[in-house]
Amino acid sequence: MQIFIDADGCPVTKIASQIAAEYNIPCTVICDTAHTFSIPGVKTVTVDKGADSVDLKLVNLIQRGDIAVTQDYGLAAMCLSKGAFVLHQDGKQYTEDNISGLLEFRAVAKKIRRAGGRLKGSPKRSPEQDQAFAAALRQMIVSLAPSDDTE
């Protein structure tokens, strides 16, 4: 198991990398050249700036059983199709049961924006959101860890 972070604009990169270190799980941060990350013990992969360059790199690296951290629904869907577990920066897990609805919402929102409409942006990030993310990531790691039961 590894943790991959879509780090472009991700507010929980440090939290996720600290939790990865706590559980001794390899962690990779993927960003484009507009961002710089230097987190001890974390591998950083920097790709050329481009619309989906970070997403494509992450999808090419992730494997079944790995964890991805992203707020991008499209990337989440691609990671799920590879058998990975995916967590939003607010702690919500993307699943096969909820990804279709999220992608549909994204398409509708894009259509509204193209027609000149405006959607309300996200409110300022709260400490409670960081706590919810940390709790969800820890819970996911524990639930995916191999059982020590030897019956």
Protein backbone atom coordinates (compact mmCIF):
# COMPACT_ATOMS: atom_id res chain seq x y z
CA MET A 1 0.00 0.00 0.00
CA GLN A 2 1.14 3.50 -0.90
CA ILE A 3 -0.47 6.91 -0.58
CA PHE A 4 -0.51 9.19 -3.62
CA ILE A 5 -1.45 12.85 -3.21
CA ASP A 6 -2.76 15.03 -6.04
CA ALA A 7 -0.93 17.98 -4.51
CA ASP A 8 -1.92 20.81 -6.85
CA GLY A 9 -4.10 22.95 -4.61
CA CYS A 10 -4.43 20.24 -1.97
CA PRO A 11 -4.78 21.66 1.55
CA VAL A 12 -4.08 18.33 3.31
CA THR A 13 -0.73 17.37 1.76
CA LYS A 14 1.15 17.80 5.05
CA ILE A 15 -1.52 16.03 7.09
CA ALA A 16 -1.60 13.06 4.71
CA SER A 17 2.18 12.78 4.59
CA GLN A 18 2.42 12.93 8.40
CA ILE A 19 -0.16 10.15 8.75
CA ALA A 20 1.66 8.09 6.11
CA ALA A 21 4.85 8.44 8.18
CA GLU A 22 3.00 7.41 11.38
CA TYR A 23 1.93 4.17 9.70
CA ASN A 24 5.21 3.72 7.83
CA ILE A 25 3.44 3.83 4.45
CA PRO A 26 5.30 5.15 1.40
CA CYS A 27 3.88 8.49 0.28
CA THR A 28 4.24 10.23 -3.07
CA VAL A 29 3.24 13.81 -3.75
CA ILE A 30 2.54 14.62 -7.39
CA CYS A 31 2.46 18.23 -8.54
CA ASP A 32 3.22 20.35 -11.57
CA THR A 33 6.04 22.85 -12.01
CA ALA A 34 3.90 25.66 -10.54
CA HIS A 35 4.23 24.06 -7.08
CA THR A 36 7.18 23.10 -4.94
CA PHE A 37 7.11 20.47 -2.22
CA SER A 38 9.91 19.29 0.01
CA ILE A 39 8.57 17.07 2.77
CA PRO A 40 11.08 14.83 4.56
CA GLY A 41 10.45 11.13 3.86
CA VAL A 42 8.02 11.87 1.02
CA LYS A 43 8.78 11.27 -2.63
CA THR A 44 7.89 14.24 -4.83
CA VAL A 45 7.13 13.77 -8.52
CA THR A 46 6.98 16.99 -10.52
CA VAL A 47 5.41 16.95 -13.98
CA ASP A 48 5.14 19.59 -16.68
CA LYS A 49 2.34 22.08 -16.29
CA GLY A 50 -0.72 20.99 -18.22
CA ALA A 51 -4.46 20.46 -17.82
CA ASP A 52 -4.31 16.82 -16.74
CA SER A 53 -0.59 16.12 -16.40
CA VAL A 54 -0.71 15.48 -12.63
CA ASP A 55 -3.83 13.32 -12.97
CA LEU A 56 -2.33 11.18 -15.73
CA LYS A 57 0.92 10.67 -13.83
CA LEU A 58 -0.94 9.66 -10.66
CA VAL A 59 -3.15 7.20 -12.56
CA ASN A 60 -0.09 5.66 -14.19
CA LEU A 61 1.62 5.17 -10.80
CA ILE A 62 -1.29 4.01 -8.63
CA GLN A 63 -2.03 0.32 -8.19
CA ARG A 64 -4.77 -1.83 -6.71
CA GLY A 65 -4.93 -1.32 -2.94
CA ASP A 66 -3.16 2.05 -2.93
CA ILE A 67 -4.76 5.21 -1.57
CA ALA A 68 -5.22 8.42 -3.56
CA VAL A 69 -6.00 11.81 -2.03
CA THR A 70 -7.70 14.19 -4.47
CA GLN A 71 -10.59 16.58 -4.83
CA ASP A 72 -10.86 15.83 -8.56
CA TYR A 73 -13.86 13.61 -9.34
CA GLY A 74 -12.49 12.55 -12.72
CA LEU A 75 -9.19 11.47 -11.19
CA ALA A 76 -11.07 9.71 -8.40
CA ALA A 77 -13.05 7.71 -10.99
CA MET A 78 -9.88 6.65 -12.80
CA CYS A 79 -8.23 5.57 -9.53
CA LEU A 80 -11.32 3.59 -8.51
CA SER A 81 -11.24 1.79 -11.86
CA LYS A 82 -7.71 0.63 -11.03
CA GLY A 83 -8.82 -0.81 -7.69
CA ALA A 84 -7.44 1.99 -5.54
CA PHE A 85 -9.13 3.63 -2.56
CA VAL A 86 -9.79 7.34 -2.92
CA LEU A 87 -10.31 10.01 -0.32
CA HIS A 88 -11.44 13.63 -0.76
CA GLN A 89 -9.60 16.34 1.16
CA ASP A 90 -12.65 16.71 3.43
CA GLY A 91 -12.55 13.04 4.44
CA LYS A 92 -15.29 11.73 2.17
CA GLN A 93 -14.44 8.44 0.50
CA TYR A 94 -15.14 8.13 -3.20
CA THR A 95 -16.74 4.79 -4.01
CA GLU A 96 -18.31 3.01 -6.96
CA ASP A 97 -21.65 3.91 -5.35
CA ASN A 98 -21.15 7.69 -5.27
CA ILE A 99 -18.75 8.51 -8.12
CA SER A 100 -21.36 8.54 -10.91
CA GLY A 101 -23.47 11.13 -9.11
CA LEU A 102 -20.41 13.27 -8.41
CA LEU A 103 -19.33 13.14 -12.05
CA GLU A 104 -22.85 14.07 -13.14
CA PHE A 105 -22.83 17.04 -10.74
CA ARG A 106 -19.49 18.13 -12.18
CA ALA A 107 -20.88 17.99 -15.73
CA VAL A 108 -23.95 20.03 -14.79
CA ALA A 109 -21.83 22.63 -12.98
CA LYS A 110 -19.56 22.94 -16.02
CA LYS A 111 -22.60 23.44 -18.25
CA ILE A 112 -23.91 26.20 -15.96
CA ARG A 113 -20.53 27.97 -15.98
CA ARG A 114 -20.27 27.74 -19.77
CA ALA A 115 -23.69 29.37 -20.05
CA GLY A 116 -22.43 32.29 -17.96
CA GLY A 117 -23.89 31.13 -14.67
CA ARG A 118 -22.05 31.27 -11.39
CA LEU A 119 -21.88 28.73 -8.63
CA LYS A 120 -21.08 29.49 -5.04
CA GLY A 121 -17.47 28.67 -4.20
CA SER A 122 -16.31 26.62 -1.27
CA PRO A 123 -16.21 28.34 2.11
CA LYS A 124 -12.87 28.94 3.84
CA ARG A 125 -11.33 25.68 5.04
CA SER A 126 -11.93 24.93 8.70
CA PRO A 127 -9.90 23.00 11.28
CA GLU A 128 -12.86 20.59 11.50
CA GLN A 129 -12.36 19.68 7.84
CA ASP A 130 -8.70 18.89 8.52
CA GLN A 131 -9.70 16.76 11.52
CA ALA A 132 -12.34 14.92 9.47
CA PHE A 133 -9.79 14.20 6.75
CA ALA A 134 -7.18 12.94 9.23
CA ALA A 135 -9.71 10.69 10.96
CA ALA A 136 -10.96 9.30 7.63
CA LEU A 137 -7.43 8.60 6.36
CA ARG A 138 -6.46 6.85 9.59
CA GLN A 139 -9.66 4.79 9.50
CA MET A 140 -9.03 3.84 5.86
CA ILE A 141 -5.45 2.77 6.59
CA VAL A 142 -6.50 0.66 9.59
CA SER A 143 -9.33 -0.97 7.64
CA LEU A 144 -6.98 -1.87 4.78
CA ALA A 145 -4.15 -3.16 6.94
CA PRO A 146 -3.61 -6.91 6.81
CA SER A 147 -5.10 -8.70 9.79
CA ASP A 148 -2.72 -10.21 12.33
CA ASP A 149 -5.28 -12.88 13.21
CA THR A 150 -3.79 -16.34 12.96
CA GLU A 151 -6.45 -18.82 13.90
